[in-house]
Amino acid sequence: MRYPTPIRRHHVKSTAVRTMGYDEDEWVLQLEYTNGKVYNYFRVPPAEFELLKAAPSIGEYVNREIKPYYEYEELESAEA
């Protein structure tokens, strides 16, 4: 699966995630990790994104509730 549209990301307070953005129309979550890698996660419902934003630990929430359940792609550095 490919997602060609840029998503505006915002900095977050996390030791694992540097920035995150969300496309509400397409249900695409985009995360930039502190290692510089950027991933799109597909079919993430808006309610899930709200829970992620409110999580005490964004990194733990991503590992527990996002990565195991949603299809994803890693972006090439030029795309990010």
PDB file of N, CA and C in Angstrom:
ATOM      1  N   MET A   1       0.853  -1.174   0.000  1.00  0.00           N
ATOM      2  CA  MET A   1       0.000   0.000   0.000  1.00  0.00           C
ATOM      3  C   MET A   1       0.902   1.241   0.000  1.00  0.00           C
ATOM      4  N   ARG A   2       0.531   2.227  -0.789  1.00  0.00           N
ATOM      5  CA  ARG A   2       1.313   3.468  -0.859  1.00  0.00           C
ATOM      6  C   ARG A   2       0.402   4.642  -0.543  1.00  0.00           C
ATOM      7  N   TYR A   3       0.948   5.640   0.116  1.00  0.00           N
ATOM      8  CA  TYR A   3       0.205   6.853   0.444  1.00  0.00           C
ATOM      9  C   TYR A   3       1.049   8.036  -0.002  1.00  0.00           C
ATOM     10  N   PRO A   4       0.680   8.685  -1.121  1.00  0.00           N
ATOM     11  CA  PRO A   4       1.536   9.713  -1.719  1.00  0.00           C
ATOM     12  C   PRO A   4       1.400  11.122  -1.138  1.00  0.00           C
ATOM     13  N   THR A   5       0.363  11.380  -0.369  1.00  0.00           N
ATOM     14  CA  THR A   5       0.087  12.730   0.094  1.00  0.00           C
ATOM     15  C   THR A   5       0.910  13.079   1.332  1.00  0.00           C
ATOM     16  N   PRO A   6       1.565  14.254   1.337  1.00  0.00           N
ATOM     17  CA  PRO A   6       2.294  14.666   2.548  1.00  0.00           C
ATOM     18  C   PRO A   6       1.316  14.938   3.704  1.00  0.00           C
ATOM     19  N   ILE A   7       1.740  14.592   4.893  1.00  0.00           N
ATOM     20  CA  ILE A   7       0.932  14.840   6.090  1.00  0.00           C
ATOM     21  C   ILE A   7       1.714  15.804   6.978  1.00  0.00           C
ATOM     22  N   ARG A   8       1.031  16.837   7.427  1.00  0.00           N
ATOM     23  CA  ARG A   8       1.677  17.784   8.341  1.00  0.00           C
ATOM     24  C   ARG A   8       1.827  17.123   9.705  1.00  0.00           C
ATOM     25  N   ARG A   9       3.068  17.085  10.171  1.00  0.00           N
ATOM     26  CA  ARG A   9       3.351  16.455  11.465  1.00  0.00           C
ATOM     27  C   ARG A   9       3.687  17.522  12.503  1.00  0.00           C
ATOM     28  N   HIS A  10       3.420  17.177  13.744  1.00  0.00           N
ATOM     29  CA  HIS A  10       3.711  18.068  14.864  1.00  0.00           C
ATOM     30  C   HIS A  10       4.617  17.352  15.854  1.00  0.00           C
ATOM     31  N   HIS A  11       5.513  18.113  16.471  1.00  0.00           N
ATOM     32  CA  HIS A  11       6.413  17.545  17.477  1.00  0.00           C
ATOM     33  C   HIS A  11       5.614  17.090  18.694  1.00  0.00           C
ATOM     34  N   VAL A  12       6.053  15.978  19.271  1.00  0.00           N
ATOM     35  CA  VAL A  12       5.405  15.437  20.464  1.00  0.00           C
ATOM     36  C   VAL A  12       6.459  15.167  21.527  1.00  0.00           C
ATOM     37  N   LYS A  13       6.004  15.103  22.771  1.00  0.00           N
ATOM     38  CA  LYS A  13       6.906  14.780  23.876  1.00  0.00           C
ATOM     39  C   LYS A  13       6.966  13.269  24.015  1.00  0.00           C
ATOM     40  N   SER A  14       8.043  12.704  23.536  1.00  0.00           N
ATOM     41  CA  SER A  14       8.211  11.255  23.553  1.00  0.00           C
ATOM     42  C   SER A  14       9.684  10.938  23.369  1.00  0.00           C
ATOM     43  N   THR A  15      10.131   9.862  23.981  1.00  0.00           N
ATOM     44  CA  THR A  15      11.519   9.441  23.780  1.00  0.00           C
ATOM     45  C   THR A  15      11.656   8.568  22.533  1.00  0.00           C
ATOM     46  N   ALA A  16      10.533   8.098  21.984  1.00  0.00           N
ATOM     47  CA  ALA A  16      10.567   7.216  20.816  1.00  0.00           C
ATOM     48  C   ALA A  16      10.075   7.880  19.537  1.00  0.00           C
ATOM     49  N   VAL A  17       9.104   8.782  19.652  1.00  0.00           N
ATOM     50  CA  VAL A  17       8.479   9.416  18.490  1.00  0.00           C
ATOM     51  C   VAL A  17       8.805  10.900  18.498  1.00  0.00           C
ATOM     52  N   ARG A  18       9.330  11.390  17.381  1.00  0.00           N
ATOM     53  CA  ARG A  18       9.674  12.814  17.271  1.00  0.00           C
ATOM     54  C   ARG A  18       8.467  13.645  16.833  1.00  0.00           C
ATOM     55  N   THR A  19       7.805  13.204  15.740  1.00  0.00           N
ATOM     56  CA  THR A  19       6.648  13.935  15.232  1.00  0.00           C
ATOM     57  C   THR A  19       5.560  12.957  14.819  1.00  0.00           C
ATOM     58  N   MET A  20       4.311  13.455  14.811  1.00  0.00           N
ATOM     59  CA  MET A  20       3.227  12.635  14.294  1.00  0.00           C
ATOM     60  C   MET A  20       2.189  13.520  13.620  1.00  0.00           C
ATOM     61  N   GLY A  21       1.530  12.927  12.630  1.00  0.00           N
ATOM     62  CA  GLY A  21       0.471  13.615  11.912  1.00  0.00           C
ATOM     63  C   GLY A  21      -0.601  12.607  11.539  1.00  0.00           C
ATOM     64  N   TYR A  22      -1.764  13.134  11.138  1.00  0.00           N
ATOM     65  CA  TYR A  22      -2.885  12.250  10.851  1.00  0.00           C
ATOM     66  C   TYR A  22      -3.739  12.846   9.750  1.00  0.00           C
ATOM     67  N   ASP A  23      -4.116  12.013   8.783  1.00  0.00           N
ATOM     68  CA  ASP A  23      -5.038  12.398   7.725  1.00  0.00           C
ATOM     69  C   ASP A  23      -6.400  11.816   8.086  1.00  0.00           C
ATOM     70  N   GLU A  24      -7.310  12.668   8.539  1.00  0.00           N
ATOM     71  CA  GLU A  24      -8.627  12.210   8.996  1.00  0.00           C
ATOM     72  C   GLU A  24      -9.470  11.632   7.866  1.00  0.00           C
ATOM     73  N   ASP A  25      -9.314  12.160   6.648  1.00  0.00           N
ATOM     74  CA  ASP A  25     -10.108  11.672   5.515  1.00  0.00           C
ATOM     75  C   ASP A  25      -9.703  10.265   5.097  1.00  0.00           C
ATOM     76  N   GLU A  26      -8.406   9.991   5.133  1.00  0.00           N
ATOM     77  CA  GLU A  26      -7.890   8.694   4.672  1.00  0.00           C
ATOM     78  C   GLU A  26      -7.542   7.732   5.802  1.00  0.00           C
ATOM     79  N   TRP A  27      -7.618   8.208   7.048  1.00  0.00           N
ATOM     80  CA  TRP A  27      -7.288   7.394   8.229  1.00  0.00           C
ATOM     81  C   TRP A  27      -5.844   6.908   8.174  1.00  0.00           C
ATOM     82  N   VAL A  28      -4.933   7.820   7.847  1.00  0.00           N
ATOM     83  CA  VAL A  28      -3.509   7.481   7.788  1.00  0.00           C
ATOM     84  C   VAL A  28      -2.784   8.220   8.900  1.00  0.00           C
ATOM     85  N   LEU A  29      -2.095   7.457   9.729  1.00  0.00           N
ATOM     86  CA  LEU A  29      -1.259   7.993  10.800  1.00  0.00           C
ATOM     87  C   LEU A  29       0.176   7.974  10.319  1.00  0.00           C
ATOM     88  N   GLN A  30       0.883   9.094  10.468  1.00  0.00           N
ATOM     89  CA  GLN A  30       2.287   9.157  10.069  1.00  0.00           C
ATOM     90  C   GLN A  30       3.121   9.496  11.291  1.00  0.00           C
ATOM     91  N   LEU A  31       4.125   8.653  11.543  1.00  0.00           N
ATOM     92  CA  LEU A  31       5.013   8.848  12.687  1.00  0.00           C
ATOM     93  C   LEU A  31       6.451   8.970  12.219  1.00  0.00           C
ATOM     94  N   GLU A  32       7.142   9.946  12.770  1.00  0.00           N
ATOM     95  CA  GLU A  32       8.591  10.055  12.592  1.00  0.00           C
ATOM     96  C   GLU A  32       9.212   9.675  13.925  1.00  0.00           C
ATOM     97  N   TYR A  33      10.026   8.638  13.891  1.00  0.00           N
ATOM     98  CA  TYR A  33      10.674   8.165  15.110  1.00  0.00           C
ATOM     99  C   TYR A  33      11.946   8.966  15.366  1.00  0.00           C
ATOM    100  N   THR A  34      12.466   8.867  16.571  1.00  0.00           N
ATOM    101  CA  THR A  34      13.659   9.637  16.929  1.00  0.00           C
ATOM    102  C   THR A  34      14.891   9.201  16.140  1.00  0.00           C
ATOM    103  N   ASN A  35      14.839   8.020  15.528  1.00  0.00           N
ATOM    104  CA  ASN A  35      15.955   7.581  14.685  1.00  0.00           C
ATOM    105  C   ASN A  35      15.867   8.156  13.272  1.00  0.00           C
ATOM    106  N   GLY A  36      14.832   8.965  13.010  1.00  0.00           N
ATOM    107  CA  GLY A  36      14.678   9.627  11.720  1.00  0.00           C
ATOM    108  C   GLY A  36      13.807   8.881  10.724  1.00  0.00           C
ATOM    109  N   LYS A  37      13.444   7.639  11.017  1.00  0.00           N
ATOM    110  CA  LYS A  37      12.602   6.872  10.099  1.00  0.00           C
ATOM    111  C   LYS A  37      11.149   7.336  10.216  1.00  0.00           C
ATOM    112  N   VAL A  38      10.471   7.345   9.054  1.00  0.00           N
ATOM    113  CA  VAL A  38       9.083   7.785   8.996  1.00  0.00           C
ATOM    114  C   VAL A  38       8.227   6.644   8.465  1.00  0.00           C
ATOM    115  N   TYR A  39       7.100   6.398   9.141  1.00  0.00           N
ATOM    116  CA  TYR A  39       6.183   5.330   8.759  1.00  0.00           C
ATOM    117  C   TYR A  39       4.762   5.859   8.627  1.00  0.00           C
ATOM    118  N   ASN A  40       4.041   5.313   7.659  1.00  0.00           N
ATOM    119  CA  ASN A  40       2.601   5.518   7.548  1.00  0.00           C
ATOM    120  C   ASN A  40       1.909   4.265   8.056  1.00  0.00           C
ATOM    121  N   TYR A  41       0.885   4.458   8.868  1.00  0.00           N
ATOM    122  CA  TYR A  41       0.051   3.359   9.358  1.00  0.00           C
ATOM    123  C   TYR A  41      -1.344   3.577   8.790  1.00  0.00           C
ATOM    124  N   PHE A  42      -1.907   2.535   8.169  1.00  0.00           N
ATOM    125  CA  PHE A  42      -3.139   2.664   7.411  1.00  0.00           C
ATOM    126  C   PHE A  42      -4.367   2.177   8.175  1.00  0.00           C
ATOM    127  N   ARG A  43      -5.509   2.810   7.844  1.00  0.00           N
ATOM    128  CA  ARG A  43      -6.823   2.457   8.404  1.00  0.00           C
ATOM    129  C   ARG A  43      -6.871   2.619   9.926  1.00  0.00           C
ATOM    130  N   VAL A  44      -6.178   3.634  10.418  1.00  0.00           N
ATOM    131  CA  VAL A  44      -6.190   3.938  11.852  1.00  0.00           C
ATOM    132  C   VAL A  44      -7.388   4.862  12.108  1.00  0.00           C
ATOM    133  N   PRO A  45      -8.390   4.397  12.847  1.00  0.00           N
ATOM    134  CA  PRO A  45      -9.581   5.222  13.079  1.00  0.00           C
ATOM    135  C   PRO A  45      -9.260   6.493  13.866  1.00  0.00           C
ATOM    136  N   PRO A  46     -10.046   7.538  13.654  1.00  0.00           N
ATOM    137  CA  PRO A  46      -9.828   8.789  14.396  1.00  0.00           C
ATOM    138  C   PRO A  46      -9.811   8.590  15.916  1.00  0.00           C
ATOM    139  N   ALA A  47     -10.662   7.717  16.424  1.00  0.00           N
ATOM    140  CA  ALA A  47     -10.693   7.474  17.880  1.00  0.00           C
ATOM    141  C   ALA A  47      -9.370   6.901  18.365  1.00  0.00           C
ATOM    142  N   GLU A  48      -8.750   6.062  17.559  1.00  0.00           N
ATOM    143  CA  GLU A  48      -7.445   5.484  17.918  1.00  0.00           C
ATOM    144  C   GLU A  48      -6.380   6.578  17.959  1.00  0.00           C
ATOM    145  N   PHE A  49      -6.432   7.505  17.013  1.00  0.00           N
ATOM    146  CA  PHE A  49      -5.479   8.614  17.001  1.00  0.00           C
ATOM    147  C   PHE A  49      -5.658   9.483  18.250  1.00  0.00           C
ATOM    148  N   GLU A  50      -6.895   9.710  18.659  1.00  0.00           N
ATOM    149  CA  GLU A  50      -7.148  10.495  19.872  1.00  0.00           C
ATOM    150  C   GLU A  50      -6.588   9.794  21.103  1.00  0.00           C
ATOM    151  N   LEU A  51      -6.746   8.473  21.167  1.00  0.00           N
ATOM    152  CA  LEU A  51      -6.183   7.714  22.282  1.00  0.00           C
ATOM    153  C   LEU A  51      -4.660   7.789  22.279  1.00  0.00           C
ATOM    154  N   LEU A  52      -4.061   7.736  21.104  1.00  0.00           N
ATOM    155  CA  LEU A  52      -2.604   7.849  20.992  1.00  0.00           C
ATOM    156  C   LEU A  52      -2.129   9.199  21.520  1.00  0.00           C
ATOM    157  N   LYS A  53      -2.798  10.270  21.106  1.00  0.00           N
ATOM    158  CA  LYS A  53      -2.398  11.610  21.555  1.00  0.00           C
ATOM    159  C   LYS A  53      -2.519  11.764  23.067  1.00  0.00           C
ATOM    160  N   ALA A  54      -3.474  11.078  23.673  1.00  0.00           N
ATOM    161  CA  ALA A  54      -3.718  11.202  25.112  1.00  0.00           C
ATOM    162  C   ALA A  54      -2.924  10.202  25.950  1.00  0.00           C
ATOM    163  N   ALA A  55      -2.214   9.303  25.302  1.00  0.00           N
ATOM    164  CA  ALA A  55      -1.497   8.245  26.023  1.00  0.00           C
ATOM    165  C   ALA A  55      -0.384   8.820  26.898  1.00  0.00           C
ATOM    166  N   PRO A  56      -0.205   8.268  28.099  1.00  0.00           N
ATOM    167  CA  PRO A  56       0.892   8.715  28.961  1.00  0.00           C
ATOM    168  C   PRO A  56       2.258   8.492  28.312  1.00  0.00           C
ATOM    169  N   SER A  57       2.377   7.417  27.514  1.00  0.00           N
ATOM    170  CA  SER A  57       3.610   7.136  26.792  1.00  0.00           C
ATOM    171  C   SER A  57       3.247   6.832  25.337  1.00  0.00           C
ATOM    172  N   ILE A  58       3.600   7.742  24.440  1.00  0.00           N
ATOM    173  CA  ILE A  58       3.285   7.558  23.026  1.00  0.00           C
ATOM    174  C   ILE A  58       3.985   6.323  22.473  1.00  0.00           C
ATOM    175  N   GLY A  59       5.252   6.157  22.801  1.00  0.00           N
ATOM    176  CA  GLY A  59       6.008   5.012  22.303  1.00  0.00           C
ATOM    177  C   GLY A  59       5.422   3.686  22.744  1.00  0.00           C
ATOM    178  N   GLU A  60       5.054   3.581  24.006  1.00  0.00           N
ATOM    179  CA  GLU A  60       4.442   2.349  24.504  1.00  0.00           C
ATOM    180  C   GLU A  60       3.106   2.091  23.825  1.00  0.00           C
ATOM    181  N   TYR A  61       2.317   3.139  23.629  1.00  0.00           N
ATOM    182  CA  TYR A  61       1.020   2.976  22.984  1.00  0.00           C
ATOM    183  C   TYR A  61       1.196   2.491  21.545  1.00  0.00           C
ATOM    184  N   VAL A  62       2.138   3.078  20.831  1.00  0.00           N
ATOM    185  CA  VAL A  62       2.399   2.657  19.448  1.00  0.00           C
ATOM    186  C   VAL A  62       2.785   1.180  19.412  1.00  0.00           C
ATOM    187  N   ASN A  63       3.679   0.778  20.282  1.00  0.00           N
ATOM    188  CA  ASN A  63       4.124  -0.621  20.303  1.00  0.00           C
ATOM    189  C   ASN A  63       3.014  -1.595  20.679  1.00  0.00           C
ATOM    190  N   ARG A  64       2.115  -1.167  21.549  1.00  0.00           N
ATOM    191  CA  ARG A  64       1.057  -2.049  22.051  1.00  0.00           C
ATOM    192  C   ARG A  64      -0.208  -2.023  21.186  1.00  0.00           C
ATOM    193  N   GLU A  65      -0.588  -0.836  20.662  1.00  0.00           N
ATOM    194  CA  GLU A  65      -1.896  -0.695  20.024  1.00  0.00           C
ATOM    195  C   GLU A  65      -1.867  -0.363  18.533  1.00  0.00           C
ATOM    196  N   ILE A  66      -0.732   0.078  18.013  1.00  0.00           N
ATOM    197  CA  ILE A  66      -0.675   0.476  16.596  1.00  0.00           C
ATOM    198  C   ILE A  66       0.095  -0.546  15.754  1.00  0.00           C
ATOM    199  N   LYS A  67       1.340  -0.766  16.093  1.00  0.00           N
ATOM    200  CA  LYS A  67       2.186  -1.655  15.282  1.00  0.00           C
ATOM    201  C   LYS A  67       1.603  -3.052  15.060  1.00  0.00           C
ATOM    202  N   PRO A  68       1.052  -3.698  16.093  1.00  0.00           N
ATOM    203  CA  PRO A  68       0.575  -5.071  15.875  1.00  0.00           C
ATOM    204  C   PRO A  68      -0.697  -5.175  15.018  1.00  0.00           C
ATOM    205  N   TYR A  69      -1.428  -4.078  14.855  1.00  0.00           N
ATOM    206  CA  TYR A  69      -2.766  -4.175  14.276  1.00  0.00           C
ATOM    207  C   TYR A  69      -2.982  -3.447  12.951  1.00  0.00           C
ATOM    208  N   TYR A  70      -2.084  -2.560  12.577  1.00  0.00           N
ATOM    209  CA  TYR A  70      -2.307  -1.751  11.377  1.00  0.00           C
ATOM    210  C   TYR A  70      -1.207  -1.967  10.349  1.00  0.00           C
ATOM    211  N   GLU A  71      -1.633  -2.086   9.102  1.00  0.00           N
ATOM    212  CA  GLU A  71      -0.681  -2.204   8.001  1.00  0.00           C
ATOM    213  C   GLU A  71       0.131  -0.917   7.931  1.00  0.00           C
ATOM    214  N   TYR A  72       1.395  -1.041   7.528  1.00  0.00           N
ATOM    215  CA  TYR A  72       2.248   0.140   7.497  1.00  0.00           C
ATOM    216  C   TYR A  72       3.236   0.069   6.340  1.00  0.00           C
ATOM    217  N   GLU A  73       3.846   1.231   6.077  1.00  0.00           N
ATOM    218  CA  GLU A  73       4.930   1.318   5.110  1.00  0.00           C
ATOM    219  C   GLU A  73       5.973   2.288   5.658  1.00  0.00           C
ATOM    220  N   GLU A  74       7.230   2.001   5.355  1.00  0.00           N
ATOM    221  CA  GLU A  74       8.301   2.932   5.700  1.00  0.00           C
ATOM    222  C   GLU A  74       8.513   3.847   4.516  1.00  0.00           C
ATOM    223  N   LEU A  75       8.606   5.140   4.757  1.00  0.00           N
ATOM    224  CA  LEU A  75       8.845   6.107   3.703  1.00  0.00           C
ATOM    225  C   LEU A  75      10.340   6.202   3.427  1.00  0.00           C
ATOM    226  N   GLU A  76      10.656   6.466   2.186  1.00  0.00           N
ATOM    227  CA  GLU A  76      12.047   6.772   1.836  1.00  0.00           C
ATOM    228  C   GLU A  76      12.365   8.144   2.395  1.00  0.00           C
ATOM    229  N   SER A  77      13.594   8.438   2.692  1.00  0.00           N
ATOM    230  CA  SER A  77      13.961   9.696   3.317  1.00  0.00           C
ATOM    231  C   SER A  77      13.538  10.913   2.488  1.00  0.00           C
ATOM    232  N   ALA A  78      13.557  10.820   1.168  1.00  0.00           N
ATOM    233  CA  ALA A  78      13.154  11.933   0.307  1.00  0.00           C
ATOM    234  C   ALA A  78      11.656  12.197   0.412  1.00  0.00           C
ATOM    235  N   GLU A  79      10.855  11.164   0.691  1.00  0.00           N
ATOM    236  CA  GLU A  79       9.416  11.307   0.807  1.00  0.00           C
ATOM    237  C   GLU A  79       9.016  11.940   2.123  1.00  0.00           C
ATOM    238  N   ALA A  80       9.802  11.697   3.155  1.00  0.00           N
ATOM    239  CA  ALA A  80       9.480  12.173   4.479  1.00  0.00           C
ATOM    240  C   ALA A  80       9.657  13.661   4.549  1.00  0.00           C
TER     241      ALA A  80
END
